[in-house]
Each structure stands twice: as C-alpha cells, then as structure tokens.
Amino acid sequence: MVRRLARDVGKEIECVVASPSDITRLMDRRLGKGRTIFDHSWVEDYYMHVIKKGRKEIDFFQYRLSGSTDPTPETRQREIEISKWKY
C-alpha cells in the first residue's frame, strides 16, 4: 500500500519486510539512498520483542542469583495476608 501511494505521487520506493526479532538482517542489505522509515506497527512489535527478551533475561538472572527458591516465612505470611483481600 505504501509503495502504491508513493507511486501515485511520482516517487519510487523500496519496501522491505524485516522481523522485529532479527533486525540485524537489514544490515546485510546494500546501503540505500534516502531515508529508512519503520512503520509504527513494526516499531510497536520491536518494543514488545525487546521487553519480552529483557523480561526473560531478568528472570534468568533472578533465578541464577537467588538462593533457595522456597519462599521465606515472611513472604508466605504476606501472601496469606494479600490473598484475604482478593476477590
């Protein structure tokens, strides 16, 4: 659609599809002329990918850097108290 809209005003553009999870593949392409523009939905997908990747890394380090995975008594008590207020 973007290419057609550009063509209608006399501009020829190249549209490239790239996965947000592997943006480095774009670097394999030849250097283009003009500007590179990322579609807003692609940018949103990229943000979500980075957030998910970061969450997995944080979970990994939290697990690896923690001692016992059993909740401490105070944590268990807190869970009991919080559960009283849930519907």
PDB file of N, CA and C in Angstrom:
ATOM      1  N   MET A   1       0.821  -1.183   0.000  1.00  0.00           N
ATOM      2  CA  MET A   1       0.000   0.000   0.000  1.00  0.00           C
ATOM      3  C   MET A   1       0.874   1.259   0.000  1.00  0.00           C
ATOM      4  N   VAL A   2       1.938   1.250   0.804  1.00  0.00           N
ATOM      5  CA  VAL A   2       2.830   2.411   0.878  1.00  0.00           C
ATOM      6  C   VAL A   2       3.496   2.638  -0.474  1.00  0.00           C
ATOM      7  N   ARG A   3       3.955   1.565  -1.091  1.00  0.00           N
ATOM      8  CA  ARG A   3       4.605   1.686  -2.404  1.00  0.00           C
ATOM      9  C   ARG A   3       3.637   2.271  -3.430  1.00  0.00           C
ATOM     10  N   ARG A   4       2.388   1.822  -3.412  1.00  0.00           N
ATOM     11  CA  ARG A   4       1.384   2.319  -4.362  1.00  0.00           C
ATOM     12  C   ARG A   4       1.101   3.796  -4.112  1.00  0.00           C
ATOM     13  N   LEU A   5       0.960   4.192  -2.856  1.00  0.00           N
ATOM     14  CA  LEU A   5       0.712   5.597  -2.542  1.00  0.00           C
ATOM     15  C   LEU A   5       1.870   6.481  -3.014  1.00  0.00           C
ATOM     16  N   ALA A   6       3.099   6.003  -2.835  1.00  0.00           N
ATOM     17  CA  ALA A   6       4.273   6.763  -3.285  1.00  0.00           C
ATOM     18  C   ALA A   6       4.294   6.864  -4.808  1.00  0.00           C
ATOM     19  N   ARG A   7       3.984   5.766  -5.471  1.00  0.00           N
ATOM     20  CA  ARG A   7       3.983   5.745  -6.934  1.00  0.00           C
ATOM     21  C   ARG A   7       2.948   6.720  -7.483  1.00  0.00           C
ATOM     22  N   ASP A   8       1.811   6.847  -6.789  1.00  0.00           N
ATOM     23  CA  ASP A   8       0.748   7.762  -7.227  1.00  0.00           C
ATOM     24  C   ASP A   8       1.203   9.212  -7.235  1.00  0.00           C
ATOM     25  N   VAL A   9       2.209   9.551  -6.409  1.00  0.00           N
ATOM     26  CA  VAL A   9       2.730  10.928  -6.391  1.00  0.00           C
ATOM     27  C   VAL A   9       4.077  11.023  -7.098  1.00  0.00           C
ATOM     28  N   GLY A  10       4.420  10.008  -7.881  1.00  0.00           N
ATOM     29  CA  GLY A  10       5.626  10.047  -8.695  1.00  0.00           C
ATOM     30  C   GLY A  10       6.909   9.653  -7.995  1.00  0.00           C
ATOM     31  N   LYS A  11       6.811   8.968  -6.883  1.00  0.00           N
ATOM     32  CA  LYS A  11       8.005   8.527  -6.143  1.00  0.00           C
ATOM     33  C   LYS A  11       8.108   7.013  -6.231  1.00  0.00           C
ATOM     34  N   GLU A  12       9.309   6.536  -6.393  1.00  0.00           N
ATOM     35  CA  GLU A  12       9.554   5.090  -6.389  1.00  0.00           C
ATOM     36  C   GLU A  12      10.309   4.751  -5.117  1.00  0.00           C
ATOM     37  N   ILE A  13       9.748   3.850  -4.333  1.00  0.00           N
ATOM     38  CA  ILE A  13      10.385   3.477  -3.078  1.00  0.00           C
ATOM     39  C   ILE A  13      10.536   1.959  -3.016  1.00  0.00           C
ATOM     40  N   GLU A  14      11.422   1.531  -2.143  1.00  0.00           N
ATOM     41  CA  GLU A  14      11.615   0.103  -1.902  1.00  0.00           C
ATOM     42  C   GLU A  14      11.071  -0.209  -0.510  1.00  0.00           C
ATOM     43  N   CYS A  15      10.223  -1.213  -0.438  1.00  0.00           N
ATOM     44  CA  CYS A  15       9.668  -1.644   0.841  1.00  0.00           C
ATOM     45  C   CYS A  15      10.301  -2.980   1.207  1.00  0.00           C
ATOM     46  N   VAL A  16      10.768  -3.060   2.428  1.00  0.00           N
ATOM     47  CA  VAL A  16      11.431  -4.266   2.911  1.00  0.00           C
ATOM     48  C   VAL A  16      10.703  -4.739   4.159  1.00  0.00           C
ATOM     49  N   VAL A  17      10.503  -6.039   4.253  1.00  0.00           N
ATOM     50  CA  VAL A  17       9.879  -6.619   5.437  1.00  0.00           C
ATOM     51  C   VAL A  17      10.974  -7.266   6.270  1.00  0.00           C
ATOM     52  N   ALA A  18      11.023  -6.900   7.546  1.00  0.00           N
ATOM     53  CA  ALA A  18      12.038  -7.445   8.450  1.00  0.00           C
ATOM     54  C   ALA A  18      11.386  -7.831   9.763  1.00  0.00           C
ATOM     55  N   SER A  19      11.799  -8.942  10.295  1.00  0.00           N
ATOM     56  CA  SER A  19      11.278  -9.397  11.576  1.00  0.00           C
ATOM     57  C   SER A  19      11.837  -8.528  12.702  1.00  0.00           C
ATOM     58  N   PRO A  20      10.983  -8.073  13.610  1.00  0.00           N
ATOM     59  CA  PRO A  20      11.471  -7.290  14.756  1.00  0.00           C
ATOM     60  C   PRO A  20      12.438  -8.080  15.636  1.00  0.00           C
ATOM     61  N   SER A  21      12.370  -9.403  15.570  1.00  0.00           N
ATOM     62  CA  SER A  21      13.253 -10.210  16.409  1.00  0.00           C
ATOM     63  C   SER A  21      14.638 -10.385  15.787  1.00  0.00           C
ATOM     64  N   ASP A  22      14.829  -9.953  14.531  1.00  0.00           N
ATOM     65  CA  ASP A  22      16.138 -10.096  13.883  1.00  0.00           C
ATOM     66  C   ASP A  22      16.417  -8.902  12.976  1.00  0.00           C
ATOM     67  N   ILE A  23      16.457  -7.737  13.559  1.00  0.00           N
ATOM     68  CA  ILE A  23      16.658  -6.505  12.787  1.00  0.00           C
ATOM     69  C   ILE A  23      18.046  -6.454  12.143  1.00  0.00           C
ATOM     70  N   THR A  24      18.997  -7.180  12.695  1.00  0.00           N
ATOM     71  CA  THR A  24      20.358  -7.138  12.152  1.00  0.00           C
ATOM     72  C   THR A  24      20.417  -7.647  10.717  1.00  0.00           C
ATOM     73  N   ARG A  25      19.436  -8.415  10.293  1.00  0.00           N
ATOM     74  CA  ARG A  25      19.425  -8.894   8.898  1.00  0.00           C
ATOM     75  C   ARG A  25      19.328  -7.744   7.910  1.00  0.00           C
ATOM     76  N   LEU A  26      18.781  -6.616   8.353  1.00  0.00           N
ATOM     77  CA  LEU A  26      18.706  -5.454   7.469  1.00  0.00           C
ATOM     78  C   LEU A  26      20.092  -4.920   7.134  1.00  0.00           C
ATOM     79  N   MET A  27      21.049  -5.164   8.004  1.00  0.00           N
ATOM     80  CA  MET A  27      22.403  -4.662   7.776  1.00  0.00           C
ATOM     81  C   MET A  27      23.091  -5.405   6.626  1.00  0.00           C
ATOM     82  N   ASP A  28      22.573  -6.556   6.247  1.00  0.00           N
ATOM     83  CA  ASP A  28      23.142  -7.315   5.131  1.00  0.00           C
ATOM     84  C   ASP A  28      22.796  -6.691   3.780  1.00  0.00           C
ATOM     85  N   ARG A  29      21.834  -5.802   3.769  1.00  0.00           N
ATOM     86  CA  ARG A  29      21.408  -5.170   2.520  1.00  0.00           C
ATOM     87  C   ARG A  29      22.375  -4.043   2.146  1.00  0.00           C
ATOM     88  N   ARG A  30      22.347  -3.697   0.893  1.00  0.00           N
ATOM     89  CA  ARG A  30      23.184  -2.576   0.447  1.00  0.00           C
ATOM     90  C   ARG A  30      22.644  -1.291   1.056  1.00  0.00           C
ATOM     91  N   LEU A  31      23.509  -0.325   1.206  1.00  0.00           N
ATOM     92  CA  LEU A  31      23.108   0.963   1.756  1.00  0.00           C
ATOM     93  C   LEU A  31      22.210   1.668   0.761  1.00  0.00           C
ATOM     94  N   GLY A  32      21.038   2.043   1.197  1.00  0.00           N
ATOM     95  CA  GLY A  32      20.090   2.694   0.307  1.00  0.00           C
ATOM     96  C   GLY A  32      20.329   4.182   0.205  1.00  0.00           C
ATOM     97  N   LYS A  33      19.618   4.781  -0.702  1.00  0.00           N
ATOM     98  CA  LYS A  33      19.640   6.237  -0.835  1.00  0.00           C
ATOM     99  C   LYS A  33      18.412   6.766  -0.130  1.00  0.00           C
ATOM    100  N   GLY A  34      18.538   7.906   0.458  1.00  0.00           N
ATOM    101  CA  GLY A  34      17.381   8.485   1.122  1.00  0.00           C
ATOM    102  C   GLY A  34      17.261   8.017   2.558  1.00  0.00           C
ATOM    103  N   ARG A  35      16.028   7.928   3.031  1.00  0.00           N
ATOM    104  CA  ARG A  35      15.782   7.618   4.435  1.00  0.00           C
ATOM    105  C   ARG A  35      15.229   6.212   4.605  1.00  0.00           C
ATOM    106  N   THR A  36      15.466   5.666   5.783  1.00  0.00           N
ATOM    107  CA  THR A  36      14.843   4.413   6.190  1.00  0.00           C
ATOM    108  C   THR A  36      13.777   4.768   7.216  1.00  0.00           C
ATOM    109  N   ILE A  37      12.576   4.294   6.981  1.00  0.00           N
ATOM    110  CA  ILE A  37      11.457   4.605   7.866  1.00  0.00           C
ATOM    111  C   ILE A  37      10.837   3.290   8.321  1.00  0.00           C
ATOM    112  N   PHE A  38      10.614   3.183   9.624  1.00  0.00           N
ATOM    113  CA  PHE A  38       9.973   1.996  10.189  1.00  0.00           C
ATOM    114  C   PHE A  38       8.500   2.303  10.432  1.00  0.00           C
ATOM    115  N   ASP A  39       7.660   1.426   9.981  1.00  0.00           N
ATOM    116  CA  ASP A  39       6.223   1.523  10.183  1.00  0.00           C
ATOM    117  C   ASP A  39       5.898   1.498  11.675  1.00  0.00           C
ATOM    118  N   HIS A  40       4.886   2.238  12.098  1.00  0.00           N
ATOM    119  CA  HIS A  40       4.563   2.336  13.530  1.00  0.00           C
ATOM    120  C   HIS A  40       4.203   0.982  14.137  1.00  0.00           C
ATOM    121  N   SER A  41       3.544   0.125  13.376  1.00  0.00           N
ATOM    122  CA  SER A  41       3.203  -1.194  13.926  1.00  0.00           C
ATOM    123  C   SER A  41       4.455  -2.056  14.083  1.00  0.00           C
ATOM    124  N   TRP A  42       5.430  -1.893  13.177  1.00  0.00           N
ATOM    125  CA  TRP A  42       6.694  -2.625  13.297  1.00  0.00           C
ATOM    126  C   TRP A  42       7.432  -2.164  14.551  1.00  0.00           C
ATOM    127  N   VAL A  43       7.453  -0.852  14.790  1.00  0.00           N
ATOM    128  CA  VAL A  43       8.133  -0.309  15.970  1.00  0.00           C
ATOM    129  C   VAL A  43       7.491  -0.861  17.244  1.00  0.00           C
ATOM    130  N   GLU A  44       6.173  -0.932  17.262  1.00  0.00           N
ATOM    131  CA  GLU A  44       5.486  -1.487  18.429  1.00  0.00           C
ATOM    132  C   GLU A  44       5.853  -2.960  18.627  1.00  0.00           C
ATOM    133  N   ASP A  45       5.896  -3.726  17.537  1.00  0.00           N
ATOM    134  CA  ASP A  45       6.306  -5.134  17.628  1.00  0.00           C
ATOM    135  C   ASP A  45       7.746  -5.257  18.127  1.00  0.00           C
ATOM    136  N   TYR A  46       8.613  -4.352  17.670  1.00  0.00           N
ATOM    137  CA  TYR A  46      10.012  -4.359  18.103  1.00  0.00           C
ATOM    138  C   TYR A  46      10.111  -4.083  19.603  1.00  0.00           C
ATOM    139  N   TYR A  47       9.375  -3.086  20.079  1.00  0.00           N
ATOM    140  CA  TYR A  47       9.363  -2.784  21.517  1.00  0.00           C
ATOM    141  C   TYR A  47       8.910  -3.995  22.325  1.00  0.00           C
ATOM    142  N   MET A  48       7.846  -4.648  21.879  1.00  0.00           N
ATOM    143  CA  MET A  48       7.334  -5.814  22.598  1.00  0.00           C
ATOM    144  C   MET A  48       8.371  -6.935  22.614  1.00  0.00           C
ATOM    145  N   HIS A  49       9.063  -7.131  21.503  1.00  0.00           N
ATOM    146  CA  HIS A  49      10.115  -8.154  21.435  1.00  0.00           C
ATOM    147  C   HIS A  49      11.229  -7.849  22.441  1.00  0.00           C
ATOM    148  N   VAL A  50      11.663  -6.600  22.479  1.00  0.00           N
ATOM    149  CA  VAL A  50      12.748  -6.209  23.385  1.00  0.00           C
ATOM    150  C   VAL A  50      12.311  -6.345  24.846  1.00  0.00           C
ATOM    151  N   ILE A  51      11.074  -5.977  25.141  1.00  0.00           N
ATOM    152  CA  ILE A  51      10.563  -6.100  26.509  1.00  0.00           C
ATOM    153  C   ILE A  51      10.514  -7.565  26.924  1.00  0.00           C
ATOM    154  N   LYS A  52      10.016  -8.434  26.042  1.00  0.00           N
ATOM    155  CA  LYS A  52       9.953  -9.872  26.359  1.00  0.00           C
ATOM    156  C   LYS A  52      11.349 -10.452  26.552  1.00  0.00           C
ATOM    157  N   LYS A  53      12.274 -10.047  25.687  1.00  0.00           N
ATOM    158  CA  LYS A  53      13.650 -10.521  25.808  1.00  0.00           C
ATOM    159  C   LYS A  53      14.266 -10.056  27.127  1.00  0.00           C
ATOM    160  N   GLY A  54      14.038  -8.800  27.475  1.00  0.00           N
ATOM    161  CA  GLY A  54      14.551  -8.271  28.736  1.00  0.00           C
ATOM    162  C   GLY A  54      13.945  -8.982  29.938  1.00  0.00           C
ATOM    163  N   ARG A  55      12.643  -9.259  29.871  1.00  0.00           N
ATOM    164  CA  ARG A  55      11.982  -9.968  30.968  1.00  0.00           C
ATOM    165  C   ARG A  55      12.588 -11.354  31.161  1.00  0.00           C
ATOM    166  N   LYS A  56      12.871 -12.045  30.058  1.00  0.00           N
ATOM    167  CA  LYS A  56      13.482 -13.380  30.154  1.00  0.00           C
ATOM    168  C   LYS A  56      14.876 -13.291  30.770  1.00  0.00           C
ATOM    169  N   GLU A  57      15.637 -12.266  30.394  1.00  0.00           N
ATOM    170  CA  GLU A  57      16.975 -12.098  30.961  1.00  0.00           C
ATOM    171  C   GLU A  57      16.904 -11.788  32.452  1.00  0.00           C
ATOM    172  N   ILE A  58      15.977 -10.929  32.847  1.00  0.00           N
ATOM    173  CA  ILE A  58      15.819 -10.601  34.267  1.00  0.00           C
ATOM    174  C   ILE A  58      15.419 -11.848  35.044  1.00  0.00           C
ATOM    175  N   ASP A  59      14.466 -12.614  34.518  1.00  0.00           N
ATOM    176  CA  ASP A  59      14.057 -13.862  35.180  1.00  0.00           C
ATOM    177  C   ASP A  59      15.242 -14.817  35.327  1.00  0.00           C
ATOM    178  N   PHE A  60      16.060 -14.918  34.278  1.00  0.00           N
ATOM    179  CA  PHE A  60      17.226 -15.798  34.310  1.00  0.00           C
ATOM    180  C   PHE A  60      18.189 -15.384  35.425  1.00  0.00           C
ATOM    181  N   PHE A  61      18.534 -14.090  35.456  1.00  0.00           N
ATOM    182  CA  PHE A  61      19.478 -13.621  36.469  1.00  0.00           C
ATOM    183  C   PHE A  61      18.891 -13.705  37.870  1.00  0.00           C
ATOM    184  N   GLN A  62      17.605 -13.412  37.999  1.00  0.00           N
ATOM    185  CA  GLN A  62      16.966 -13.518  39.311  1.00  0.00           C
ATOM    186  C   GLN A  62      17.038 -14.953  39.812  1.00  0.00           C
ATOM    187  N   TYR A  63      16.771 -15.903  38.941  1.00  0.00           N
ATOM    188  CA  TYR A  63      16.830 -17.316  39.326  1.00  0.00           C
ATOM    189  C   TYR A  63      18.254 -17.732  39.671  1.00  0.00           C
ATOM    190  N   ARG A  64      19.210 -17.344  38.800  1.00  0.00           N
ATOM    191  CA  ARG A  64      20.607 -17.761  38.991  1.00  0.00           C
ATOM    192  C   ARG A  64      21.255 -17.103  40.200  1.00  0.00           C
ATOM    193  N   LEU A  65      20.857 -15.894  40.520  1.00  0.00           N
ATOM    194  CA  LEU A  65      21.486 -15.169  41.622  1.00  0.00           C
ATOM    195  C   LEU A  65      20.790 -15.386  42.961  1.00  0.00           C
ATOM    196  N   SER A  66      19.665 -16.074  42.950  1.00  0.00           N
ATOM    197  CA  SER A  66      18.924 -16.319  44.185  1.00  0.00           C
ATOM    198  C   SER A  66      19.383 -17.607  44.832  1.00  0.00           C
ATOM    199  N   GLY A  67      19.188 -17.675  46.136  1.00  0.00           N
ATOM    200  CA  GLY A  67      19.481 -18.902  46.871  1.00  0.00           C
ATOM    201  C   GLY A  67      18.321 -19.869  46.709  1.00  0.00           C
ATOM    202  N   SER A  68      17.813 -20.327  47.797  1.00  0.00           N
ATOM    203  CA  SER A  68      16.688 -21.261  47.796  1.00  0.00           C
ATOM    204  C   SER A  68      15.485 -20.623  47.114  1.00  0.00           C
ATOM    205  N   THR A  69      14.751 -21.439  46.393  1.00  0.00           N
ATOM    206  CA  THR A  69      13.551 -20.925  45.729  1.00  0.00           C
ATOM    207  C   THR A  69      12.327 -21.012  46.634  1.00  0.00           C
ATOM    208  N   ASP A  70      12.474 -21.607  47.829  1.00  0.00           N
ATOM    209  CA  ASP A  70      11.356 -21.666  48.772  1.00  0.00           C
ATOM    210  C   ASP A  70      11.112 -20.279  49.343  1.00  0.00           C
ATOM    211  N   PRO A  71       9.830 -19.873  49.415  1.00  0.00           N
ATOM    212  CA  PRO A  71       9.550 -18.548  49.988  1.00  0.00           C
ATOM    213  C   PRO A  71       9.934 -18.491  51.464  1.00  0.00           C
ATOM    214  N   THR A  72      10.418 -17.354  51.870  1.00  0.00           N
ATOM    215  CA  THR A  72      10.746 -17.180  53.291  1.00  0.00           C
ATOM    216  C   THR A  72       9.450 -17.105  54.086  1.00  0.00           C
ATOM    217  N   PRO A  73       9.502 -17.351  55.395  1.00  0.00           N
ATOM    218  CA  PRO A  73       8.269 -17.285  56.204  1.00  0.00           C
ATOM    219  C   PRO A  73       7.537 -15.947  56.069  1.00  0.00           C
ATOM    220  N   GLU A  74       8.297 -14.844  56.025  1.00  0.00           N
ATOM    221  CA  GLU A  74       7.622 -13.551  55.924  1.00  0.00           C
ATOM    222  C   GLU A  74       6.941 -13.385  54.571  1.00  0.00           C
ATOM    223  N   THR A  75       7.527 -13.954  53.514  1.00  0.00           N
ATOM    224  CA  THR A  75       6.909 -13.894  52.196  1.00  0.00           C
ATOM    225  C   THR A  75       5.626 -14.715  52.183  1.00  0.00           C
ATOM    226  N   ARG A  76       5.668 -15.910  52.786  1.00  0.00           N
ATOM    227  CA  ARG A  76       4.466 -16.746  52.859  1.00  0.00           C
ATOM    228  C   ARG A  76       3.364 -16.038  53.637  1.00  0.00           C
ATOM    229  N   GLN A  77       3.719 -15.395  54.741  1.00  0.00           N
ATOM    230  CA  GLN A  77       2.733 -14.678  55.538  1.00  0.00           C
ATOM    231  C   GLN A  77       2.138 -13.522  54.747  1.00  0.00           C
ATOM    232  N   ARG A  78       2.976 -12.838  54.009  1.00  0.00           N
ATOM    233  CA  ARG A  78       2.494 -11.724  53.197  1.00  0.00           C
ATOM    234  C   ARG A  78       1.509 -12.219  52.141  1.00  0.00           C
ATOM    235  N   GLU A  79       1.818 -13.362  51.498  1.00  0.00           N
ATOM    236  CA  GLU A  79       0.908 -13.935  50.511  1.00  0.00           C
ATOM    237  C   GLU A  79      -0.439 -14.270  51.137  1.00  0.00           C
ATOM    238  N   ILE A  80      -0.418 -14.795  52.353  1.00  0.00           N
ATOM    239  CA  ILE A  80      -1.668 -15.123  53.054  1.00  0.00           C
ATOM    240  C   ILE A  80      -2.482 -13.853  53.291  1.00  0.00           C
ATOM    241  N   GLU A  81      -1.806 -12.804  53.745  1.00  0.00           N
ATOM    242  CA  GLU A  81      -2.498 -11.542  54.015  1.00  0.00           C
ATOM    243  C   GLU A  81      -3.082 -10.950  52.737  1.00  0.00           C
ATOM    244  N   ILE A  82      -2.301 -10.952  51.669  1.00  0.00           N
ATOM    245  CA  ILE A  82      -2.769 -10.398  50.394  1.00  0.00           C
ATOM    246  C   ILE A  82      -3.945 -11.208  49.854  1.00  0.00           C
ATOM    247  N   SER A  83      -3.890 -12.531  50.009  1.00  0.00           N
ATOM    248  CA  SER A  83      -4.965 -13.381  49.490  1.00  0.00           C
ATOM    249  C   SER A  83      -6.294 -13.094  50.193  1.00  0.00           C
ATOM    250  N   LYS A  84      -6.277 -12.589  51.402  1.00  0.00           N
ATOM    251  CA  LYS A  84      -7.505 -12.246  52.114  1.00  0.00           C
ATOM    252  C   LYS A  84      -8.257 -11.118  51.434  1.00  0.00           C
ATOM    253  N   TRP A  85      -7.534 -10.269  50.701  1.00  0.00           N
ATOM    254  CA  TRP A  85      -8.141  -9.100  50.089  1.00  0.00           C
ATOM    255  C   TRP A  85      -8.518  -9.324  48.630  1.00  0.00           C
ATOM    256  N   LYS A  86      -8.164 -10.466  48.065  1.00  0.00           N
ATOM    257  CA  LYS A  86      -8.517 -10.769  46.688  1.00  0.00           C
ATOM    258  C   LYS A  86      -9.952 -11.271  46.615  1.00  0.00           C
ATOM    259  N   TYR A  87     -10.593 -11.014  45.508  1.00  0.00           N
ATOM    260  CA  TYR A  87     -11.975 -11.470  45.337  1.00  0.00           C
ATOM    261  C   TYR A  87     -12.019 -12.907  44.920  1.00  0.00           C
TER     262      TYR A  87
END
